[in-house]
Protein backbone atom coordinates (compact mmCIF):
# COMPACT_ATOMS: atom_id res chain seq x y z
CA MET A 1 83.79 83.10 127.93
CA VAL A 2 84.23 83.35 131.68
CA GLU A 3 83.62 86.48 133.71
CA LYS A 4 86.44 88.11 135.63
CA ALA A 5 85.56 86.62 139.03
CA GLU A 6 85.27 83.12 137.53
CA LEU A 7 88.58 83.64 135.77
CA TYR A 8 90.43 84.11 139.04
CA ALA A 9 88.97 80.86 140.32
CA GLN A 10 89.72 78.97 137.13
CA VAL A 11 93.38 79.99 137.04
CA LYS A 12 93.72 79.02 140.68
CA LEU A 13 92.32 75.58 139.89
CA ILE A 14 94.77 75.13 137.04
CA GLY A 15 97.65 76.22 139.22
CA SER A 16 96.69 73.68 141.86
CA GLY A 17 96.85 70.91 139.26
CA THR A 18 93.11 70.18 139.08
CA LYS A 19 92.55 67.86 136.15
CA ASP A 20 89.01 68.82 135.22
CA LEU A 21 89.73 72.32 134.02
CA SER A 22 86.42 72.94 132.30
CA SER A 23 83.95 71.78 134.91
CA PRO A 24 81.62 74.63 135.98
CA SER A 25 80.80 72.81 139.20
CA ARG A 26 84.42 72.83 140.25
CA ILE A 27 84.64 76.55 139.72
CA LYS A 28 81.51 77.15 141.80
CA GLN A 29 82.81 75.04 144.66
CA GLU A 30 85.85 77.29 145.01
CA GLN A 31 85.60 80.20 147.41
CA PRO A 32 85.41 83.60 145.68
CA ILE A 33 88.81 85.09 145.20
CA SER A 34 89.17 88.71 146.10
CA SER A 35 91.51 90.94 144.16
CA PRO A 36 94.74 91.81 145.92
CA THR A 37 94.61 95.09 147.78
CA SER A 38 97.98 96.20 146.45
CA TYR A 39 99.06 96.38 142.86
CA SER A 40 101.70 93.98 141.61
CA PHE A 41 105.04 94.60 139.99
CA GLY A 42 105.09 97.41 137.50
CA ASP A 43 101.39 98.19 137.72
CA HIS A 44 100.69 101.83 138.55
CA ARG A 45 97.33 102.21 136.86
CA HIS A 46 95.16 105.08 137.97
CA ARG A 47 92.68 104.17 140.72
CA ARG A 48 89.39 105.72 139.74
CA THR A 49 87.62 108.12 142.05
CA GLU A 50 84.03 107.49 143.10
CA LYS A 51 82.82 110.10 140.62
CA GLU A 52 84.74 108.51 137.73
CA GLU A 53 83.46 105.06 138.60
CA ASP A 54 79.85 106.30 138.89
CA GLU A 55 80.06 107.97 135.50
CA GLU A 56 81.40 104.80 133.92
CA LEU A 57 78.72 102.62 135.53
CA LEU A 58 76.00 105.00 134.38
CA THR A 59 77.35 104.93 130.84
CA GLU A 60 77.47 101.14 130.84
CA THR A 61 73.95 100.91 132.25
CA LYS A 62 72.63 103.31 129.65
CA HIS A 63 73.82 101.10 126.80
CA SER A 64 73.45 97.68 128.41
CA SER A 65 69.84 97.20 127.37
CA SER A 66 70.96 96.03 123.97
CA GLY A 67 73.30 93.45 125.56
CA ILE A 68 76.52 92.27 124.01
CA GLN A 69 76.42 92.67 120.27
CA ARG A 70 77.73 89.90 118.08
CA PHE A 71 78.38 90.41 114.40
CA GLU A 72 77.48 87.79 111.82
CA ALA A 73 78.76 89.93 108.94
CA SER A 74 81.19 92.76 108.47
CA PRO A 75 80.12 95.71 110.70
CA TRP A 76 78.41 98.61 109.00
CA TYR A 77 81.01 101.10 110.21
CA VAL A 78 83.84 99.22 108.43
CA LYS A 79 84.03 100.99 105.07
CA GLY A 80 87.17 99.76 103.31
CA GLY A 81 85.84 96.36 102.32
CA GLU A 82 84.37 93.20 103.83
CA MET A 83 85.95 91.51 106.83
CA ARG A 84 86.62 87.78 106.52
CA ASP A 85 84.66 85.30 108.63
CA TYR A 86 87.55 84.57 110.98
CA GLN A 87 88.19 88.31 111.40
CA ILE A 88 84.57 88.81 112.45
CA ARG A 89 84.99 85.98 114.96
CA GLY A 90 88.11 87.72 116.24
CA LEU A 91 86.16 90.96 116.64
CA ASN A 92 83.40 89.15 118.55
CA TRP A 93 86.03 87.57 120.81
CA MET A 94 87.50 90.97 121.66
CA ILE A 95 84.03 92.42 122.24
CA GLN A 96 83.31 89.60 124.71
CA LEU A 97 86.61 90.30 126.48
CA HIS A 98 85.74 94.00 126.66
CA HIS A 99 82.35 93.35 128.26
CA SER A 100 83.89 90.86 130.69
CA SER A 101 86.54 93.41 131.74
CA ILE A 102 89.29 91.00 130.68
CA ASN A 103 92.38 92.07 128.77
CA GLY A 104 93.73 89.84 126.02
CA ILE A 105 96.33 88.95 123.42
CA LEU A 106 95.44 88.82 119.72
CA ALA A 107 98.09 86.41 118.44
CA ASP A 108 96.98 85.47 114.92
CA GLU A 109 99.66 84.47 112.46
CA MET A 110 101.10 87.29 110.38
CA GLY A 111 98.92 88.17 107.41
CA LEU A 112 95.52 87.38 108.97
CA GLY A 113 94.55 90.99 109.61
CA LYS A 114 95.31 91.71 113.26
CA THR A 115 95.43 95.42 112.43
CA LEU A 116 91.96 95.38 110.85
CA GLN A 117 90.47 93.39 113.74
CA THR A 118 91.92 95.84 116.25
CA ILE A 119 90.65 98.87 114.36
CA SER A 120 87.18 97.29 114.08
CA LEU A 121 87.13 96.87 117.89
CA LEU A 122 87.79 100.58 118.41
CA GLY A 123 85.09 101.32 115.82
CA TYR A 124 82.67 99.13 117.79
CA ILE A 125 83.40 101.05 120.99
CA LYS A 126 82.71 104.35 119.24
CA HIS A 127 79.64 103.43 117.23
CA CYS A 128 77.99 100.75 119.37
CA ARG A 129 79.07 101.70 122.90
CA HIS A 130 79.09 105.43 122.13
CA LYS A 131 82.52 106.05 123.61
CA HIS A 132 84.79 108.29 121.56
CA GLY A 133 88.03 107.32 123.23
CA PRO A 134 90.66 108.23 123.97
CA HIS A 135 92.63 105.17 122.87
CA MET A 136 96.36 104.80 122.31
CA VAL A 137 98.03 102.37 119.90
CA ILE A 138 101.78 101.87 120.34
CA VAL A 139 103.46 100.42 117.25
CA PRO A 140 106.93 100.01 115.73
CA LYS A 141 108.12 103.17 114.02
CA SER A 142 108.38 101.32 110.72
CA THR A 143 104.65 100.42 110.70
CA LEU A 144 103.19 103.67 112.08
CA SER A 145 102.34 105.10 108.66
CA ASN A 146 100.67 101.83 107.68
CA TRP A 147 98.54 101.91 110.84
CA MET A 148 97.41 105.45 110.01
CA ASN A 149 96.52 104.39 106.46
CA GLU A 150 94.59 101.35 107.73
CA PHE A 151 92.54 103.51 110.11
CA ALA A 152 91.68 105.86 107.23
CA ARG A 153 90.82 102.94 104.96
CA TRP A 154 88.73 100.71 107.22
CA VAL A 155 87.07 102.97 109.81
CA PRO A 156 87.51 106.56 108.59
CA SER A 157 85.06 107.79 111.22
CA LEU A 158 87.73 107.23 113.88
CA ARG A 159 89.65 110.47 114.32
CA THR A 160 93.33 109.60 114.52
CA VAL A 161 96.45 111.58 115.31
CA SER A 162 100.06 110.38 115.12
CA LEU A 163 102.78 111.38 117.57
CA ILE A 164 106.07 111.16 115.70
CA GLY A 165 108.85 113.41 114.45
CA ASN A 166 111.59 115.56 115.92
CA HIS A 167 111.22 117.57 119.12
CA GLU A 168 109.94 120.70 117.38
CA GLU A 169 107.38 118.79 115.29
CA ARG A 170 106.15 116.85 118.32
CA SER A 171 105.81 119.97 120.45
CA GLN A 172 103.72 121.65 117.77
CA LYS A 173 101.47 118.61 117.35
CA ILE A 174 101.02 118.22 121.10
CA GLN A 175 99.94 121.84 121.53
CA GLU A 176 97.80 122.14 118.39
CA GLU A 177 96.16 118.69 118.28
CA ILE A 178 96.81 116.26 121.12
CA LEU A 179 96.10 118.45 124.16
CA LYS A 180 92.92 119.74 122.51
CA LYS A 181 91.57 116.15 122.72
CA GLU A 182 89.72 116.40 119.42
CA TRP A 183 90.67 112.85 118.45
CA ASP A 184 89.66 109.27 119.20
CA VAL A 185 92.95 107.41 118.73
CA ILE A 186 96.55 108.43 119.13
CA VAL A 187 99.09 106.28 117.27
CA THR A 188 102.70 106.51 118.38
CA SER A 189 105.93 104.52 118.51
CA TYR A 190 107.84 102.89 121.36
CA GLU A 191 110.49 105.61 121.21
CA MET A 192 107.91 108.38 121.44
CA CYS A 193 106.33 106.74 124.49
CA ILE A 194 109.64 107.12 126.28
CA LYS A 195 110.30 110.68 125.09
CA GLU A 196 106.75 111.98 125.61
CA LYS A 197 105.70 109.94 128.64
CA ALA A 198 104.87 113.08 130.66
CA VAL A 199 102.28 114.16 128.08
CA LEU A 200 100.79 110.70 127.58
CA LYS A 201 100.39 110.16 131.33
CA LYS A 202 97.86 113.00 131.37
CA PHE A 203 95.28 110.86 129.56
CA HIS A 204 93.09 108.05 130.87
CA PHE A 205 92.76 105.78 127.86
CA ILE A 206 89.87 103.41 127.28
CA TYR A 207 92.18 101.07 125.36
CA LEU A 208 95.96 100.86 125.50
CA ILE A 209 97.06 98.67 122.59
CA ILE A 210 100.61 97.51 121.92
CA ASP A 211 101.60 96.04 118.56
CA GLU A 212 104.57 93.66 118.41
CA ALA A 213 103.98 93.07 122.12
CA HIS A 214 107.13 90.99 122.59
CA ARG A 215 108.87 94.36 122.93
CA ILE A 216 107.69 94.38 126.57
CA LYS A 217 108.63 90.76 127.32
CA ASN A 218 111.27 92.05 129.74
CA GLU A 219 109.26 93.56 132.60
CA LYS A 220 112.31 95.50 133.81
CA SER A 221 113.01 97.30 130.53
CA LYS A 222 112.47 101.05 130.36
CA LEU A 223 109.68 100.72 127.78
CA SER A 224 107.90 98.04 129.79
CA GLU A 225 107.97 100.12 132.97
CA ILE A 226 106.73 103.26 131.19
CA VAL A 227 103.75 101.62 129.44
CA ARG A 228 102.70 100.15 132.78
CA ASP A 229 102.48 103.72 134.10
CA PHE A 230 99.96 104.81 131.47
CA ARG A 231 96.40 104.94 132.77
CA SER A 232 93.99 102.71 130.88
CA GLN A 233 90.70 100.95 131.39
CA ASN A 234 91.52 98.09 129.01
CA ARG A 235 94.67 96.64 127.51
CA LEU A 236 95.21 94.64 124.33
CA LEU A 237 98.45 93.09 123.10
CA ILE A 238 99.07 92.20 119.45
CA THR A 239 101.77 89.73 118.50
CA GLY A 240 102.35 86.91 116.06
CA THR A 241 104.76 85.23 118.49
CA PRO A 242 103.26 85.20 122.00
CA LEU A 243 105.77 82.62 123.26
CA GLN A 244 109.30 83.21 121.99
CA ASN A 245 111.99 81.95 124.33
CA ASN A 246 110.66 80.99 127.76
CA LEU A 247 107.64 81.06 130.04
CA HIS A 248 108.90 84.04 132.02
CA GLU A 249 108.51 86.24 128.94
CA LEU A 250 104.93 85.00 128.60
CA TRP A 251 104.34 85.83 132.26
CA ALA A 252 105.59 89.39 131.62
CA LEU A 253 102.88 89.85 128.97
CA LEU A 254 100.18 88.35 131.19
CA ASN A 255 101.35 90.47 134.11
CA PHE A 256 100.93 93.58 131.96
CA LEU A 257 97.40 92.50 131.04
CA MET A 258 96.16 91.20 134.40
CA PRO A 259 98.65 92.25 137.11
CA ASP A 260 96.31 91.27 139.95
CA LEU A 261 95.91 87.76 138.60
CA PHE A 262 99.48 87.17 137.43
CA SER A 263 101.24 89.08 140.17
CA SER A 264 104.08 86.64 140.83
CA SER A 265 106.41 85.14 138.27
CA GLU A 266 107.44 82.51 140.82
CA MET A 267 103.86 81.28 141.22
CA PHE A 268 103.47 81.21 137.43
CA ASP A 269 106.66 79.16 137.09
CA ASP A 270 105.38 76.77 139.76
CA MET A 271 102.33 76.06 137.62
CA PHE A 272 104.56 74.63 134.92
CA LYS A 273 107.34 72.92 136.83
CA THR A 274 108.27 69.77 135.00
CA GLY A 275 108.51 67.46 138.00
CA ASN A 276 106.88 64.16 137.15
CA ASP A 277 104.41 65.74 134.73
CA GLN A 278 104.47 64.56 131.18
CA GLU A 279 105.16 67.16 128.51
CA GLU A 280 101.65 66.66 127.11
CA SER A 281 100.14 67.46 130.52
CA LEU A 282 102.15 70.67 130.78
CA VAL A 283 101.04 71.76 127.32
CA GLN A 284 97.40 71.12 128.24
CA ARG A 285 97.79 73.15 131.41
CA LEU A 286 99.40 76.03 129.51
CA HIS A 287 96.61 76.00 126.94
CA ALA A 288 94.02 76.05 129.71
CA VAL A 289 95.64 79.09 131.35
CA LEU A 290 95.94 80.99 128.07
CA LYS A 291 92.54 80.15 126.60
CA PRO A 292 90.59 83.04 128.22
CA PHE A 293 93.24 85.62 127.27
CA LEU A 294 94.69 84.58 123.94
CA LEU A 295 93.31 84.08 120.43
CA ARG A 296 95.63 82.39 117.97
CA ARG A 297 94.77 81.28 114.41
CA ILE A 298 97.07 80.24 111.58
CA LYS A 299 96.54 80.68 107.84
CA ALA A 300 96.22 76.97 107.15
CA ASP A 301 93.21 76.74 109.46
CA VAL A 302 91.21 79.85 108.58
CA GLU A 303 92.29 81.36 105.27
CA LYS A 304 91.07 78.84 102.72
CA ARG A 305 90.87 81.32 99.85
CA LEU A 306 94.58 82.04 99.70
CA PRO A 307 96.45 79.96 97.12
CA PRO A 308 99.32 77.94 98.56
CA LYS A 309 102.63 79.76 98.64
CA LYS A 310 105.04 78.62 95.96
CA GLU A 311 108.72 78.42 96.78
CA CYS A 312 111.26 77.87 94.06
CA LYS A 313 114.84 77.43 95.20
CA ILE A 314 117.39 77.90 92.45
CA TYR A 315 120.93 76.74 93.10
CA ILE A 316 123.51 78.51 91.00
CA GLY A 317 127.27 78.26 90.62
CA LEU A 318 129.96 80.76 91.41
CA SER A 319 131.75 82.93 88.87
CA LYS A 320 135.46 82.33 88.25
CA MET A 321 136.39 85.27 90.48
CA GLN A 322 134.15 83.91 93.25
CA ARG A 323 135.59 80.37 92.97
CA ASP A 324 139.16 81.64 93.21
CA LEU A 325 138.31 83.87 96.16
CA TYR A 326 136.38 81.08 97.90
CA THR A 327 139.37 78.74 97.64
CA LYS A 328 141.79 81.39 98.96
CA ILE A 329 139.57 82.03 102.01
CA LEU A 330 139.46 78.32 102.85
CA MET A 331 143.15 77.69 102.28
CA LYS A 332 144.20 80.70 104.33
CA ASP A 333 142.77 79.15 107.50
CA ILE A 334 142.71 75.49 106.54
CA ASP A 335 143.87 74.52 110.03
CA VAL A 336 140.77 76.12 111.54
CA VAL A 337 138.49 74.38 109.02
CA ASN A 338 140.05 71.01 109.88
CA SER A 339 139.63 71.49 113.64
CA VAL A 340 135.93 72.28 113.86
CA GLY A 341 135.55 70.64 117.26
CA ASN A 342 138.13 72.88 118.91
CA LYS A 343 136.25 75.46 121.02
CA VAL A 344 139.18 77.85 120.92
CA ASP A 345 138.83 78.26 117.16
CA ARG A 346 135.05 78.74 117.00
CA LEU A 347 135.21 82.50 116.63
CA ARG A 348 137.74 82.17 113.82
CA LEU A 349 135.49 79.60 112.16
CA LEU A 350 132.49 81.94 112.37
CA ASN A 351 134.58 84.66 110.77
CA ILE A 352 135.52 82.31 107.93
CA LEU A 353 131.86 81.48 107.35
CA MET A 354 131.04 85.20 107.20
CA GLN A 355 133.76 85.78 104.61
CA LEU A 356 132.45 82.86 102.55
CA ARG A 357 128.94 84.31 102.67
CA LYS A 358 130.28 87.61 101.38
CA CYS A 359 132.08 85.79 98.62
CA CYS A 360 128.88 83.97 97.55
CA ASN A 361 126.89 87.21 97.52
CA HIS A 362 129.35 89.27 95.49
CA PRO A 363 133.16 89.44 95.35
CA TYR A 364 133.06 93.25 95.30
CA LEU A 365 132.11 93.14 98.98
CA PHE A 366 135.86 92.68 99.49
CA ASP A 367 137.96 95.81 99.15
CA GLY A 368 140.34 95.88 96.21
CA LEU A 369 138.57 93.39 93.94
CA GLU A 370 136.47 95.83 91.92
CA PRO A 371 138.33 97.01 88.81
CA GLY A 372 139.56 100.58 89.12
CA PRO A 373 140.23 103.33 89.50
CA PRO A 374 138.42 104.74 87.71
CA TYR A 375 135.45 102.77 89.08
CA THR A 376 132.71 102.24 86.52
CA THR A 377 129.49 100.26 86.65
CA ASP A 378 129.69 97.95 83.69
CA ARG A 379 129.18 94.37 82.55
CA HIS A 380 131.83 93.16 85.00
CA LEU A 381 129.42 93.84 87.87
CA VAL A 382 127.22 91.00 86.54
CA ASP A 383 129.83 88.67 85.06
CA ASN A 384 131.78 88.37 88.31
CA CYS A 385 128.76 87.24 90.37
CA GLY A 386 126.71 84.08 89.83
CA LYS A 387 123.62 85.50 91.57
CA LEU A 388 123.62 88.67 89.49
CA MET A 389 123.97 86.64 86.28
CA LEU A 390 120.69 84.91 87.10
CA LEU A 391 119.00 88.09 88.32
CA ASP A 392 120.01 89.88 85.13
CA LYS A 393 118.09 87.24 83.16
CA LEU A 394 115.07 87.07 85.47
CA LEU A 395 114.23 90.76 85.89
CA PRO A 396 113.51 91.55 82.20
CA LYS A 397 111.12 88.56 81.99
CA LEU A 398 109.35 89.52 85.21
CA LYS A 399 109.08 93.09 83.97
CA GLU A 400 107.42 91.92 80.75
CA GLN A 401 104.83 90.03 82.84
CA GLY A 402 104.05 93.18 84.85
CA SER A 403 105.35 91.58 88.05
CA ARG A 404 106.70 93.49 91.01
CA VAL A 405 109.88 92.29 92.65
CA LEU A 406 111.13 92.45 96.24
CA LEU A 407 114.84 91.88 96.81
CA PHE A 408 115.89 91.15 100.39
CA CYS A 409 119.46 91.58 101.60
CA GLN A 410 121.11 90.91 104.92
CA MET A 411 124.06 93.16 104.10
CA THR A 412 123.62 96.85 103.40
CA ARG A 413 126.75 96.90 101.20
CA MET A 414 125.09 94.27 98.99
CA MET A 415 122.21 96.72 98.65
CA ASP A 416 124.74 99.30 97.43
CA ILE A 417 125.83 96.88 94.69
CA LEU A 418 122.21 96.11 93.71
CA GLU A 419 121.51 99.84 93.59
CA ASP A 420 124.42 100.34 91.18
CA TYR A 421 123.10 97.46 89.08
CA CYS A 422 119.56 98.90 88.89
CA LEU A 423 120.89 102.30 87.88
CA TRP A 424 123.06 100.71 85.21
CA ARG A 425 120.17 98.66 83.78
CA GLY A 426 117.65 101.49 84.13
CA HIS A 427 115.30 99.58 86.48
CA GLU A 428 112.96 101.74 88.56
CA TYR A 429 113.46 100.95 92.22
CA PHE A 430 113.37 102.31 95.72
CA ARG A 431 115.57 101.31 98.60
CA LEU A 432 114.27 100.69 102.11
CA ASP A 433 116.68 100.06 104.96
CA GLY A 434 117.30 101.17 108.53
CA SER A 435 118.63 104.55 107.43
CA THR A 436 115.51 105.47 105.42
CA PRO A 437 113.78 108.39 107.24
CA HIS A 438 110.30 107.63 108.53
CA GLU A 439 108.77 110.41 106.43
CA GLU A 440 110.14 108.89 103.21
CA ARG A 441 109.10 105.30 103.89
CA GLN A 442 105.39 105.61 103.13
CA VAL A 443 106.02 107.99 100.21
CA SER A 444 108.22 105.32 98.64
CA ILE A 445 106.00 102.35 99.51
CA SER A 446 102.61 103.79 98.46
CA PRO A 447 103.13 103.61 94.66
CA HIS A 448 103.96 99.90 94.98
CA GLN A 449 100.76 99.18 96.94
CA GLN A 450 98.43 100.43 94.20
């Protein structure tokens, strides 16, 4: 792990195309690189006063005698269970970054416990560095309740407060809890950051953590500009997809983390211009730039105890009503189907494909096909849909085995049909979609997590 001053030199070497990226001698031969005197795009972090800096240095000196702590087993302050080996390595990596004053990206594949590793880092800062915050964790609204539960489960000694709700609820919480500063971690959503930016700017956070960090991949977005205004000593990004579409989005994340080092998107692009470089060389250079900042593991490499995922694809036929409807949709615009290469007809072709998808899901997605009025939920709901015929046979067997079932839909009206089916068959269920209020989400999910 390089120190901050060495990091500036190393990135400069990579940008200049130096082949030996790991040679310590090459780094030493470079002249020391001073930090820019002005902050780069979007970076308005608080410049500490002499008093603030002295207090921080004294605190660091007080606790530096023990050196950087590395954990070989799950930390004692983690109470909800034992951390896995790779999670402990992730914690040690973040601790090293913290002591080197380097911000980073935790980019493990989904399901490897990024939330737990992050919480354990904040626990380390409280119990081993004796700093009680404040920290702020910005998460999607849909996962905020889960973050609060994970804090309570794994490191209950961390005092957490959530900033969510309508204007009246937020105002009450701000006055009665947040401004009193009797907490270690505040957990809030992207939307609340925008609405309550004036309040959040009053704090100087030790750690500013953003989950699903690709939400700030556009440096000119309102959210991205606001989070750059928050004062913080350290920054950590969490994402399972650090590189989504292009290198500029990656630069936006790195610029948020280290704005002095990655101040110019043009210079960053120049590092990876194709030119005469081979693709393999560009990949090596990208890996070399990211190595100090980014930790990425996938399940196949680290989680050996998980059984392999089993996928069973079942192909089923259409009901008579679906077959007739499918044929009518195709024949209605047969000229479009036969002229696929014509650009003028692409939109019409996409519309046909959407109608065919609806037909395959359930014919009642089309108005006028459900028997009625009066409209009754009966056997016809199953008999007119091939997928529901199979589901109607599967669910009783899965129920006998004590299995739990998740049904995913891409169409909310299909969820309406499944809801009618569950009510008709007497299956216990709960529905979770974009219209489900935040307060009801965790209440509905909790019984299924036990």
